[in-house]
N, C-alpha and C. Protein backbone atom coordinates (compact mmCIF):
# COMPACT_ATOMS: atom_id res chain seq x y z
N UNK A 1 41.85 132.67 103.82
CA UNK A 1 40.67 131.73 104.57
C UNK A 1 40.23 130.19 104.05
N UNK A 2 40.23 130.97 102.19
CA UNK A 2 39.36 129.92 101.67
C UNK A 2 40.48 128.92 101.19
N UNK A 3 41.46 128.47 101.11
CA UNK A 3 41.98 127.65 100.99
C UNK A 3 41.98 126.38 102.46
N UNK A 4 42.29 126.84 103.48
CA UNK A 4 41.96 126.35 104.79
C UNK A 4 40.23 125.74 104.23
N UNK A 5 39.52 126.67 104.08
CA UNK A 5 37.66 126.27 104.20
C UNK A 5 38.24 124.81 102.73
N UNK A 6 38.27 125.03 101.86
CA UNK A 6 38.33 124.47 101.07
C UNK A 6 39.37 122.81 101.26
N UNK A 7 40.47 123.10 102.10
CA UNK A 7 40.83 121.67 102.26
C UNK A 7 39.92 120.81 103.71
N UNK A 8 39.56 121.99 104.87
CA UNK A 8 39.08 120.87 105.09
C UNK A 8 37.52 120.52 104.85
N UNK A 9 37.09 121.06 103.97
CA UNK A 9 36.02 120.47 103.18
C UNK A 9 35.73 119.86 102.40
N UNK A 10 37.22 119.14 101.48
CA UNK A 10 37.58 117.94 101.26
C UNK A 10 37.50 117.30 101.99
N UNK A 11 38.70 117.40 103.33
CA UNK A 11 38.54 116.19 104.14
C UNK A 11 37.38 115.79 104.57
N UNK A 12 36.23 116.20 105.10
CA UNK A 12 35.34 116.32 105.51
C UNK A 12 34.52 115.18 104.82
N UNK A 13 34.53 116.10 102.95
CA UNK A 13 33.99 115.33 102.33
C UNK A 13 34.45 113.95 101.83
N UNK A 14 35.67 113.28 102.14
CA UNK A 14 36.57 112.33 101.50
C UNK A 14 36.30 111.59 103.05
N UNK A 15 35.95 111.99 104.51
CA UNK A 15 35.32 111.13 105.45
C UNK A 15 33.91 111.00 105.26
N UNK A 16 33.49 111.07 104.79
CA UNK A 16 32.00 110.61 104.82
C UNK A 16 31.84 109.53 103.80
N UNK A 17 32.84 110.11 101.94
CA UNK A 17 32.81 108.53 100.84
C UNK A 17 33.76 107.48 101.92
N UNK A 18 34.77 107.39 102.29
CA UNK A 18 35.28 106.64 102.82
C UNK A 18 34.66 105.47 104.35
N UNK A 19 33.00 105.99 104.89
CA UNK A 19 32.80 105.82 106.12
C UNK A 19 31.11 105.49 105.05
N UNK A 20 30.72 105.91 104.10
CA UNK A 20 29.75 105.32 103.23
C UNK A 20 30.32 103.87 101.88
N UNK A 21 31.58 103.57 101.96
CA UNK A 21 32.78 102.98 101.86
C UNK A 21 32.61 101.95 102.54
N UNK A 22 32.19 101.72 104.16
CA UNK A 22 32.69 101.09 104.91
C UNK A 22 31.59 99.56 104.57
N UNK A 23 32.21 98.42 104.80
CA UNK A 23 31.52 97.32 104.30
C UNK A 23 30.46 97.04 105.30
N UNK A 24 29.95 96.60 104.99
CA UNK A 24 27.97 96.30 105.33
C UNK A 24 28.10 94.68 105.54
N UNK A 25 28.67 94.21 106.52
CA UNK A 25 28.85 92.64 107.19
C UNK A 25 27.14 92.29 106.44
N UNK A 26 26.01 92.74 106.87
CA UNK A 26 24.70 92.18 107.06
C UNK A 26 24.40 91.98 105.32
N UNK A 27 24.88 93.40 104.80
CA UNK A 27 24.15 92.81 103.37
C UNK A 27 24.89 91.78 102.63
N UNK A 28 26.84 91.47 103.10
CA UNK A 28 27.60 90.79 102.44
C UNK A 28 26.71 89.52 103.26
N UNK A 29 25.69 89.27 103.73
CA UNK A 29 25.87 87.41 103.61
C UNK A 29 24.34 87.64 103.09
N UNK A 30 23.40 88.99 103.24
CA UNK A 30 22.47 88.30 102.24
C UNK A 30 23.01 87.81 100.88
N UNK A 31 24.18 88.55 100.61
CA UNK A 31 24.51 88.35 99.34
C UNK A 31 24.90 87.07 99.23
N UNK A 32 25.69 86.82 100.08
CA UNK A 32 25.74 85.34 100.10
C UNK A 32 25.19 84.14 100.63
N UNK A 33 23.46 84.65 101.12
CA UNK A 33 22.34 83.49 100.99
C UNK A 33 21.74 83.56 99.43
N UNK A 34 21.84 84.46 99.81
CA UNK A 34 20.38 84.84 98.25
C UNK A 34 21.03 85.38 97.58
N UNK A 35 22.24 85.70 96.93
CA UNK A 35 21.94 86.39 95.73
C UNK A 35 21.64 87.62 95.52
N UNK A 36 21.80 88.14 94.60
CA UNK A 36 21.26 89.56 93.76
C UNK A 36 20.29 89.74 92.91
N UNK A 37 19.77 90.75 92.75
CA UNK A 37 19.14 91.05 91.32
C UNK A 37 19.04 91.37 90.46
N UNK A 38 20.42 91.48 90.70
CA UNK A 38 21.33 91.45 89.22
C UNK A 38 21.37 90.27 88.68
N UNK A 39 21.60 89.56 89.34
CA UNK A 39 22.22 88.34 88.47
C UNK A 39 23.24 87.40 88.92
N UNK A 40 23.70 88.03 90.37
CA UNK A 40 25.03 87.05 91.04
C UNK A 40 23.71 86.00 91.60
N UNK A 41 24.54 84.05 91.77
CA UNK A 41 23.45 84.26 92.88
C UNK A 41 24.19 83.79 94.05
N UNK A 42 23.27 83.14 95.03
CA UNK A 42 24.24 82.96 96.06
C UNK A 42 25.77 81.90 96.25
N UNK A 43 26.43 82.55 97.10
CA UNK A 43 27.79 82.06 97.11
C UNK A 43 27.94 81.02 98.07
N UNK A 44 26.90 80.13 99.11
CA UNK A 44 26.92 79.33 99.67
C UNK A 44 26.53 78.41 98.52
N UNK A 45 26.31 78.44 97.99
CA UNK A 45 24.94 77.06 96.87
C UNK A 45 27.12 76.38 96.45
N UNK A 46 28.23 77.20 96.43
CA UNK A 46 29.18 76.05 96.11
C UNK A 46 30.22 76.81 97.49
N UNK A 47 29.88 78.04 98.19
CA UNK A 47 31.57 78.24 99.30
C UNK A 47 30.97 77.87 100.69
N UNK A 48 29.73 77.39 101.03
CA UNK A 48 29.36 77.57 102.33
C UNK A 48 28.76 78.51 102.92
N UNK A 49 27.80 78.43 104.59
CA UNK A 49 27.79 79.27 105.29
C UNK A 49 28.09 79.29 106.50
N UNK A 50 28.46 80.25 107.26
CA UNK A 50 28.65 80.37 108.76
C UNK A 50 28.44 79.20 109.68
N UNK A 51 28.03 78.66 109.59
CA UNK A 51 27.62 77.12 109.93
C UNK A 51 28.03 76.34 109.65
N UNK A 52 28.36 76.39 107.89
CA UNK A 52 28.61 74.84 106.94
C UNK A 52 29.43 75.33 106.28
N UNK A 53 31.09 74.98 106.10
CA UNK A 53 31.50 75.11 104.22
C UNK A 53 31.87 74.75 104.04
N UNK A 54 31.62 74.97 102.90
CA UNK A 54 31.59 74.01 101.29
C UNK A 54 32.67 72.69 101.34
N UNK A 55 32.15 71.56 101.02
CA UNK A 55 32.87 70.46 101.51
C UNK A 55 33.96 69.78 100.04
N UNK A 56 33.24 70.91 98.83
CA UNK A 56 33.75 69.76 97.55
C UNK A 56 35.02 71.08 97.27
N UNK A 57 36.32 70.56 96.82
CA UNK A 57 37.31 70.52 96.75
C UNK A 57 37.81 71.99 95.91
N UNK A 58 36.52 71.52 94.96
CA UNK A 58 36.46 71.86 93.07
C UNK A 58 36.51 73.69 94.05
N UNK A 59 35.67 74.11 94.88
CA UNK A 59 36.18 75.04 95.46
C UNK A 59 36.60 75.49 96.64
N UNK A 60 37.14 76.59 96.93
CA UNK A 60 37.77 76.86 97.59
C UNK A 60 37.37 77.63 98.98
N UNK A 61 38.01 77.72 99.81
CA UNK A 61 37.59 77.76 101.17
C UNK A 61 37.58 79.10 101.63
N UNK A 62 36.86 79.52 101.20
CA UNK A 62 36.43 81.18 101.48
C UNK A 62 36.76 81.72 103.01
N UNK A 63 36.86 80.86 103.89
CA UNK A 63 36.96 81.02 105.38
C UNK A 63 38.88 81.81 105.89
N UNK A 64 38.44 81.92 106.90
CA UNK A 64 40.31 82.63 106.94
C UNK A 64 40.86 83.12 106.09
N UNK A 65 40.23 83.70 104.94
CA UNK A 65 41.42 85.17 104.40
C UNK A 65 40.18 86.62 104.81
N UNK A 66 41.60 86.96 104.27
CA UNK A 66 41.04 88.93 104.88
C UNK A 66 40.32 89.13 102.86
N UNK A 67 39.46 90.27 104.45
CA UNK A 67 37.81 90.99 103.17
C UNK A 67 39.27 91.87 102.21
N UNK A 68 40.82 92.19 102.25
CA UNK A 68 41.05 92.43 100.85
C UNK A 68 41.31 92.23 100.00
N UNK A 69 41.57 90.90 100.47
CA UNK A 69 42.12 89.89 99.36
C UNK A 69 40.88 89.26 98.61
N UNK A 70 39.99 88.83 98.96
CA UNK A 70 39.00 88.24 98.93
C UNK A 70 38.39 89.39 97.71
N UNK A 71 37.83 90.73 97.76
CA UNK A 71 37.16 91.81 97.57
C UNK A 71 38.67 91.85 96.02
N UNK A 72 39.68 91.95 96.59
CA UNK A 72 40.86 91.89 94.98
C UNK A 72 40.34 91.08 94.01
N UNK A 73 40.05 89.48 94.91
CA UNK A 73 40.00 88.27 94.04
C UNK A 73 38.66 88.63 92.71
N UNK A 74 36.96 89.01 93.65
CA UNK A 74 36.10 88.99 93.05
C UNK A 74 36.28 90.34 91.61
N UNK A 75 37.58 91.25 91.78
CA UNK A 75 37.38 92.64 90.83
C UNK A 75 38.42 91.92 89.72
N UNK A 76 39.32 91.28 90.65
CA UNK A 76 40.10 90.35 89.11
C UNK A 76 39.25 89.46 87.76
N UNK A 77 38.32 88.58 88.54
CA UNK A 77 36.78 87.67 88.30
C UNK A 77 36.59 89.16 87.03
N UNK A 78 36.13 90.12 87.73
CA UNK A 78 34.96 90.50 86.77
C UNK A 78 36.20 90.60 85.20
N UNK A 79 37.53 91.34 85.94
CA UNK A 79 38.23 92.15 84.98
C UNK A 79 38.84 91.36 84.14
N UNK A 80 38.72 89.97 84.17
CA UNK A 80 39.26 88.96 83.57
C UNK A 80 40.35 88.26 83.56
N UNK A 81 41.32 88.63 84.91
CA UNK A 81 42.37 88.71 85.27
C UNK A 81 42.95 87.45 85.90
N UNK A 82 41.65 86.84 86.92
CA UNK A 82 41.36 85.36 86.37
C UNK A 82 39.82 85.05 86.05
N UNK A 83 40.09 84.27 85.57
CA UNK A 83 39.69 83.77 84.20
C UNK A 83 38.24 81.90 84.57
N UNK A 84 37.95 82.26 85.32
CA UNK A 84 36.98 81.51 85.87
C UNK A 84 34.70 81.23 85.50
N UNK A 85 34.03 80.35 84.28
CA UNK A 85 33.19 80.03 83.89
C UNK A 85 32.22 80.25 85.10
N UNK A 86 32.67 79.84 85.83
CA UNK A 86 30.99 79.66 87.01
C UNK A 86 31.58 81.36 87.82
N UNK A 87 32.22 82.51 88.50
CA UNK A 87 32.74 83.41 89.32
C UNK A 87 32.56 84.38 87.69
N UNK A 88 32.97 84.61 86.89
CA UNK A 88 32.66 85.81 86.10
C UNK A 88 32.02 86.41 85.46
N UNK A 89 30.91 85.50 85.77
CA UNK A 89 29.75 86.31 84.91
C UNK A 89 28.70 86.94 86.48
N UNK A 90 29.21 86.22 87.62
CA UNK A 90 28.65 85.95 89.31
C UNK A 90 29.28 88.08 89.75
N UNK A 91 30.85 87.91 89.91
CA UNK A 91 32.05 88.63 89.82
C UNK A 91 31.17 90.30 89.26
N UNK A 92 30.85 89.90 87.92
CA UNK A 92 30.30 91.15 86.89
C UNK A 92 28.71 92.07 87.26
N UNK A 93 28.49 90.50 87.27
CA UNK A 93 26.40 90.98 88.50
C UNK A 93 27.25 91.70 90.00
N UNK A 94 27.81 91.90 90.43
CA UNK A 94 27.96 92.53 91.73
C UNK A 94 28.92 93.91 91.85
N UNK A 95 28.52 95.56 92.40
CA UNK A 95 29.02 96.24 92.31
C UNK A 95 29.60 96.47 92.73
N UNK A 96 31.39 96.98 93.26
CA UNK A 96 32.40 97.39 93.66
C UNK A 96 31.94 97.35 95.25
N UNK A 97 30.94 97.97 96.35
CA UNK A 97 29.92 98.16 97.24
C UNK A 97 29.60 96.57 97.40
N UNK A 98 29.53 95.68 96.37
CA UNK A 98 29.04 94.92 97.02
C UNK A 98 29.97 93.40 97.24
N UNK A 99 30.98 93.71 96.30
CA UNK A 99 31.83 93.30 96.83
C UNK A 99 32.59 93.40 98.14
N UNK A 100 32.75 94.24 98.16
CA UNK A 100 32.88 94.68 99.70
C UNK A 100 32.74 93.70 100.75
N UNK A 101 31.02 93.96 100.29
CA UNK A 101 30.45 93.85 101.25
C UNK A 101 30.31 92.50 101.63
N UNK A 102 29.98 91.23 100.42
CA UNK A 102 30.32 90.16 99.95
C UNK A 102 31.93 89.39 100.61
N UNK A 103 32.55 90.64 101.16
CA UNK A 103 34.48 89.68 101.34
C UNK A 103 35.05 89.77 103.67
N UNK A 104 33.44 91.12 103.24
CA UNK A 104 33.46 91.35 104.65
C UNK A 104 32.90 89.83 104.88
N UNK A 105 31.61 89.78 104.97
CA UNK A 105 31.50 88.82 105.47
C UNK A 105 32.24 87.34 105.15
N UNK A 106 32.40 86.55 104.85
CA UNK A 106 33.20 85.44 104.56
C UNK A 106 34.29 85.99 105.17
N UNK A 107 35.06 86.52 105.26
CA UNK A 107 36.22 87.50 106.10
C UNK A 107 36.19 87.60 107.44
N UNK A 108 34.81 86.96 107.95
CA UNK A 108 34.30 87.41 109.31
C UNK A 108 33.77 85.51 109.88
N UNK A 109 34.76 85.09 108.80
CA UNK A 109 34.48 83.54 109.21
C UNK A 109 35.33 82.27 109.77
N UNK A 110 35.98 82.27 110.70
CA UNK A 110 36.86 81.18 110.62
C UNK A 110 36.49 79.62 111.36
N UNK A 111 37.02 79.23 110.76
CA UNK A 111 37.00 77.82 110.71
C UNK A 111 38.65 76.47 110.74
N UNK A 112 38.43 75.78 111.78
CA UNK A 112 39.99 75.55 111.98
C UNK A 112 39.75 74.37 110.87
N UNK A 113 40.96 74.17 110.33
CA UNK A 113 41.16 73.21 109.11
C UNK A 113 40.54 71.66 109.42
N UNK A 114 39.84 71.18 107.80
CA UNK A 114 39.31 69.48 107.95
C UNK A 114 40.31 68.35 108.21
N UNK A 115 40.80 67.47 108.96
CA UNK A 115 40.79 66.64 108.72
C UNK A 115 40.97 65.53 108.06
N UNK A 116 41.51 64.83 106.69
CA UNK A 116 41.55 64.74 105.45
C UNK A 116 42.15 63.25 105.96
N UNK A 117 42.15 62.67 104.47
CA UNK A 117 43.37 61.91 104.59
C UNK A 117 44.44 62.29 104.42
N UNK A 118 45.96 62.02 105.30
CA UNK A 118 46.95 62.38 104.82
C UNK A 118 47.69 61.57 103.25
N UNK A 119 48.87 63.02 103.01
CA UNK A 119 49.22 62.70 102.10
C UNK A 119 50.24 61.56 102.16
N UNK A 120 51.02 60.81 101.37
CA UNK A 120 51.57 59.72 101.37
C UNK A 120 53.02 60.30 101.92
N UNK A 121 54.10 59.95 102.64
CA UNK A 121 55.04 60.59 103.74
C UNK A 121 56.32 61.10 102.47
N UNK A 122 56.19 60.32 101.74
CA UNK A 122 57.71 61.40 100.33
C UNK A 122 57.15 61.92 100.47
N UNK A 123 55.61 62.47 99.42
CA UNK A 123 55.46 63.33 98.82
C UNK A 123 55.38 64.87 100.02
N UNK A 124 53.81 64.45 101.21
CA UNK A 124 54.52 65.12 102.81
C UNK A 124 55.74 65.79 102.61
N UNK A 125 56.72 65.36 102.65
CA UNK A 125 58.30 65.21 102.60
C UNK A 125 58.21 66.89 101.20
N UNK A 126 58.31 66.53 100.82
CA UNK A 126 58.62 67.12 99.74
C UNK A 126 57.85 68.61 99.38
N UNK A 127 56.79 68.59 99.53
CA UNK A 127 55.73 69.68 99.69
C UNK A 127 55.88 70.23 101.35
N UNK A 128 56.80 69.79 102.30
CA UNK A 128 57.28 70.71 103.56
C UNK A 128 58.35 70.82 103.40
N UNK A 129 59.02 70.40 101.93
CA UNK A 129 60.83 71.17 102.22
C UNK A 129 60.60 72.29 100.92
N UNK A 130 59.41 72.25 99.90
CA UNK A 130 59.52 73.73 99.17
C UNK A 130 58.71 74.73 100.08
N UNK A 131 58.41 74.18 100.81
CA UNK A 131 57.06 74.77 101.07
C UNK A 131 57.52 76.09 102.48
N UNK A 132 58.91 75.64 103.41
CA UNK A 132 60.18 76.32 104.40
C UNK A 132 61.64 76.41 104.02
N UNK A 133 61.66 75.68 102.66
CA UNK A 133 63.47 76.34 102.26
C UNK A 133 63.46 76.34 100.76
N UNK A 134 62.76 76.35 100.28
CA UNK A 134 62.67 76.22 98.87
C UNK A 134 63.71 75.27 97.92
N UNK A 135 63.56 74.92 96.53
CA UNK A 135 64.55 74.51 95.87
C UNK A 135 65.31 75.03 94.87
N UNK A 136 67.22 75.41 95.56
CA UNK A 136 67.98 76.02 94.90
C UNK A 136 68.03 75.35 93.18
N UNK A 137 67.79 74.78 92.91
CA UNK A 137 67.80 73.81 91.74
C UNK A 137 66.95 74.40 91.13
N UNK A 138 66.28 74.55 91.51
CA UNK A 138 64.96 74.63 90.12
C UNK A 138 64.59 76.89 91.01
N UNK A 139 65.33 77.14 91.57
CA UNK A 139 65.43 78.35 91.36
C UNK A 139 63.48 78.85 92.14
N UNK A 140 63.55 78.13 93.00
CA UNK A 140 62.10 78.04 93.23
C UNK A 140 62.65 78.39 95.19
N UNK A 141 62.43 80.20 95.99
CA UNK A 141 62.17 80.26 97.36
C UNK A 141 61.23 79.47 98.35
N UNK A 142 61.22 79.75 99.23
CA UNK A 142 60.31 78.59 100.17
C UNK A 142 58.61 79.41 100.20
N UNK A 143 58.37 78.87 99.47
CA UNK A 143 56.34 79.69 99.95
C UNK A 143 56.37 80.49 101.46
N UNK A 144 56.56 79.78 102.51
CA UNK A 144 56.37 80.53 103.66
C UNK A 144 57.01 81.66 103.88
N UNK A 145 58.07 82.11 102.49
CA UNK A 145 58.62 83.63 102.97
C UNK A 145 57.99 85.17 102.14
N UNK A 146 56.88 84.35 101.33
CA UNK A 146 56.02 85.33 101.09
C UNK A 146 54.32 85.10 102.22
N UNK A 147 54.29 83.55 102.04
CA UNK A 147 52.73 83.40 103.18
C UNK A 147 52.67 83.24 104.06
N UNK A 148 54.19 83.45 104.55
CA UNK A 148 53.91 83.32 105.84
C UNK A 148 54.44 82.05 106.52
N UNK A 149 54.72 82.34 108.01
CA UNK A 149 54.74 80.81 108.64
C UNK A 149 54.01 79.83 108.85
N UNK A 150 54.13 78.81 108.15
CA UNK A 150 53.37 77.22 108.25
C UNK A 150 52.07 77.98 107.33
N UNK A 151 52.10 78.75 106.07
CA UNK A 151 51.37 79.52 105.79
C UNK A 151 49.83 80.28 105.77
N UNK A 152 50.28 80.81 106.60
CA UNK A 152 49.19 80.95 107.80
C UNK A 152 48.81 82.82 107.08
N UNK A 153 49.78 82.87 106.01
CA UNK A 153 49.19 84.14 105.52
C UNK A 153 49.60 85.48 106.56
N UNK A 154 49.79 86.52 105.11
CA UNK A 154 49.94 87.75 105.35
C UNK A 154 49.61 88.64 104.75
N UNK A 155 48.77 89.10 105.71
CA UNK A 155 47.60 89.95 105.51
C UNK A 155 47.76 91.33 105.03
N UNK A 156 47.07 92.02 104.41
CA UNK A 156 45.77 91.82 103.71
C UNK A 156 45.77 91.22 102.43
N UNK A 157 47.15 91.38 101.46
CA UNK A 157 47.26 90.62 99.83
C UNK A 157 47.67 89.62 99.80
N UNK A 158 48.86 88.54 101.02
CA UNK A 158 48.49 87.57 100.72
C UNK A 158 47.51 86.74 101.32
N UNK A 159 47.39 85.58 100.52
CA UNK A 159 46.29 84.28 101.73
C UNK A 159 46.73 83.74 101.79
N UNK A 160 45.80 83.44 102.52
CA UNK A 160 46.65 81.51 103.30
C UNK A 160 46.62 80.90 103.33
N UNK A 161 47.79 79.92 102.70
CA UNK A 161 47.34 78.70 101.96
C UNK A 161 47.28 77.41 102.75
N UNK A 162 47.47 77.68 104.26
CA UNK A 162 46.88 76.65 104.98
C UNK A 162 45.83 76.36 105.10
N UNK A 163 45.64 74.13 104.61
CA UNK A 163 44.09 74.12 105.48
C UNK A 163 42.83 74.43 104.26
N UNK A 164 43.92 74.85 102.56
CA UNK A 164 43.23 75.25 101.86
C UNK A 164 42.83 73.81 101.32
N UNK A 165 42.21 73.29 99.58
CA UNK A 165 41.45 72.15 99.37
C UNK A 165 42.99 72.13 98.29
N UNK A 166 43.04 70.94 99.31
CA UNK A 166 44.38 70.81 97.51
C UNK A 166 44.22 70.31 96.15
N UNK A 167 43.12 70.29 96.28
CA UNK A 167 42.92 69.93 94.62
C UNK A 167 43.12 71.54 94.06
N UNK A 168 42.07 72.49 94.75
CA UNK A 168 42.28 74.08 94.43
C UNK A 168 43.54 74.68 94.38
N UNK A 169 44.37 74.62 95.16
CA UNK A 169 45.67 74.97 95.55
C UNK A 169 46.50 74.40 94.08
N UNK A 170 46.59 72.69 93.70
CA UNK A 170 47.28 72.85 91.98
C UNK A 170 46.77 73.34 91.77
N UNK A 171 45.35 73.11 91.04
CA UNK A 171 44.27 73.59 89.92
C UNK A 171 44.93 75.02 89.63
N UNK A 172 45.20 76.15 90.71
CA UNK A 172 45.60 77.56 90.82
C UNK A 172 47.81 77.28 90.27
N UNK A 173 48.23 77.02 90.72
CA UNK A 173 49.44 76.71 90.26
C UNK A 173 49.39 76.42 89.04
N UNK A 174 48.44 75.76 88.39
CA UNK A 174 48.20 74.95 86.75
C UNK A 174 47.68 75.97 85.76
N UNK A 175 47.31 77.19 86.30
CA UNK A 175 46.54 78.22 85.63
C UNK A 175 47.79 79.36 85.82
N UNK A 176 48.70 79.43 86.82
CA UNK A 176 49.55 79.85 86.97
C UNK A 176 50.58 79.32 85.03
N UNK A 177 50.72 78.88 85.78
CA UNK A 177 51.65 77.84 84.67
C UNK A 177 51.47 78.09 83.28
N UNK A 178 50.58 77.66 83.07
CA UNK A 178 49.69 77.77 81.20
C UNK A 178 49.28 79.39 81.24
N UNK A 179 49.29 80.15 82.52
CA UNK A 179 48.67 81.93 81.54
C UNK A 179 47.76 81.68 81.59
N UNK A 180 47.14 80.94 82.36
CA UNK A 180 45.09 81.12 82.40
C UNK A 180 44.50 82.03 83.47
N UNK A 181 45.80 81.96 84.76
CA UNK A 181 45.00 83.31 85.39
C UNK A 181 46.33 84.44 85.61
N UNK A 182 46.18 85.78 85.32
CA UNK A 182 46.80 86.80 85.02
C UNK A 182 47.40 87.82 86.08
N UNK A 183 46.55 87.68 87.47
CA UNK A 183 47.18 88.48 88.79
C UNK A 183 48.27 88.65 89.07
N UNK A 184 48.63 87.50 89.63
CA UNK A 184 50.12 87.84 89.85
C UNK A 184 51.36 87.44 89.08
N UNK A 185 50.98 88.37 87.61
CA UNK A 185 52.27 87.40 87.12
C UNK A 185 53.50 87.42 87.27
N UNK A 186 54.47 88.50 87.80
CA UNK A 186 55.48 88.92 87.89
C UNK A 186 55.71 87.99 89.64
N UNK A 187 54.62 87.27 90.38
CA UNK A 187 55.31 86.51 91.42
C UNK A 187 54.87 85.31 91.13
N UNK A 188 53.96 84.49 90.69
CA UNK A 188 53.43 83.30 91.08
C UNK A 188 52.89 82.69 89.80
N UNK A 189 53.45 83.66 88.95
CA UNK A 189 53.55 82.78 87.82
C UNK A 189 54.50 81.97 86.78
N UNK A 190 55.84 82.93 86.76
CA UNK A 190 57.54 82.12 86.94
C UNK A 190 57.85 81.16 88.16
N UNK A 191 57.12 80.75 88.87
CA UNK A 191 57.14 79.93 90.13
C UNK A 191 56.57 78.57 89.98
N UNK A 192 55.16 79.30 89.29
CA UNK A 192 54.59 78.40 88.79
C UNK A 192 55.22 77.28 87.85
N UNK A 193 55.97 77.90 86.87
CA UNK A 193 56.39 77.65 85.70
C UNK A 193 57.72 76.70 85.61
N UNK A 194 58.67 76.68 87.13
CA UNK A 194 59.86 76.17 87.49
C UNK A 194 58.58 74.48 88.02
N UNK A 195 57.63 74.71 88.81
CA UNK A 195 57.52 73.41 89.33
C UNK A 195 56.43 72.85 88.79
N UNK A 196 56.87 71.28 88.45
CA UNK A 196 56.48 70.25 87.93
C UNK A 196 55.91 69.76 88.52
N UNK A 197 54.58 68.79 87.28
CA UNK A 197 53.35 68.94 88.59
C UNK A 197 53.21 67.84 89.00
N UNK A 198 54.54 66.82 89.93
CA UNK A 198 54.14 66.16 91.19
C UNK A 198 54.92 67.24 92.11
N UNK A 199 55.65 68.21 91.67
CA UNK A 199 56.21 69.49 92.89
C UNK A 199 54.45 70.48 92.92
N UNK A 200 54.02 70.48 92.48
CA UNK A 200 52.39 71.46 92.56
C UNK A 200 51.93 70.08 93.83
N UNK A 201 51.76 68.95 93.14
CA UNK A 201 50.98 68.23 93.88
C UNK A 201 51.10 67.99 94.84
N UNK A 202 53.10 68.18 95.75
CA UNK A 202 53.37 67.98 96.77
C UNK A 202 53.21 69.40 97.77
N UNK A 203 53.27 69.98 97.11
CA UNK A 203 53.18 71.77 97.67
C UNK A 203 51.61 71.92 97.59
N UNK A 204 50.57 71.33 96.66
CA UNK A 204 49.12 71.63 97.25
C UNK A 204 48.61 70.67 98.63
N UNK A 205 49.07 69.23 98.00
CA UNK A 205 48.99 68.06 99.36
C UNK A 205 49.80 68.96 100.76
N UNK A 206 51.08 69.10 101.19
CA UNK A 206 51.22 69.63 102.61
C UNK A 206 50.16 70.77 102.96
N UNK A 207 50.19 71.87 102.30
CA UNK A 207 49.51 72.56 103.17
C UNK A 207 48.28 72.73 103.23
N UNK A 208 47.63 71.48 102.60
CA UNK A 208 45.99 71.28 102.83
C UNK A 208 45.98 70.77 103.90
N UNK A 209 46.78 70.37 104.82
CA UNK A 209 46.65 69.23 105.61
C UNK A 209 47.24 69.71 107.47
N UNK A 210 47.36 71.36 106.60
CA UNK A 210 48.11 72.22 108.17
C UNK A 210 47.58 72.88 108.58
N UNK A 211 47.64 72.36 110.16
CA UNK A 211 45.86 72.71 110.79
C UNK A 211 45.72 74.19 111.16
N UNK A 212 45.06 75.14 110.95
CA UNK A 212 44.82 76.57 111.17
C UNK A 212 43.36 76.32 112.00
N UNK A 213 43.87 76.78 113.41
CA UNK A 213 42.93 76.76 114.81
C UNK A 213 42.09 77.94 114.66
């Protein structure tokens, strides 16, 4: 009898704990709009809001991403697995709950892909080939094998590439190739190391113009 009591007590406590850890989208919105008293600056300065996303390609589009992935990236910035002079101190200033809250806020935002300048035909073709087929000569599999058809992502852990800023995508491939980004050493780092600079440019250009409806 005592064993069952302990079991049900554990279940109840676990449920309460899980409920307390549920993300608060409204609290996340406040972080995005105003930052925190602990020193995390407002996200909207770089990443935009629910009604107006960021325009600068230096900052990634957070829209159309999963809460799990966004929160995981904040944790990686806090630990240094991802290195960025702006994001590292911001992530360190957020509690784990605040990371989940602001991740939930942005995960609830969806925007269609903005239409930009179309890449050159040869660049677009190379990027599409790498995305859909890969390249056996350099031992790179199709990006869509992991990132989903059309680069729409494989939630919750694998992010969409479709509609992301080309400059940002290329910068991340370079970071993996040079060992500056350490949160996918077994998967993305080896792939990036096999890609030439032109291949990175082609992939980034291709995915940036894939439409997300």
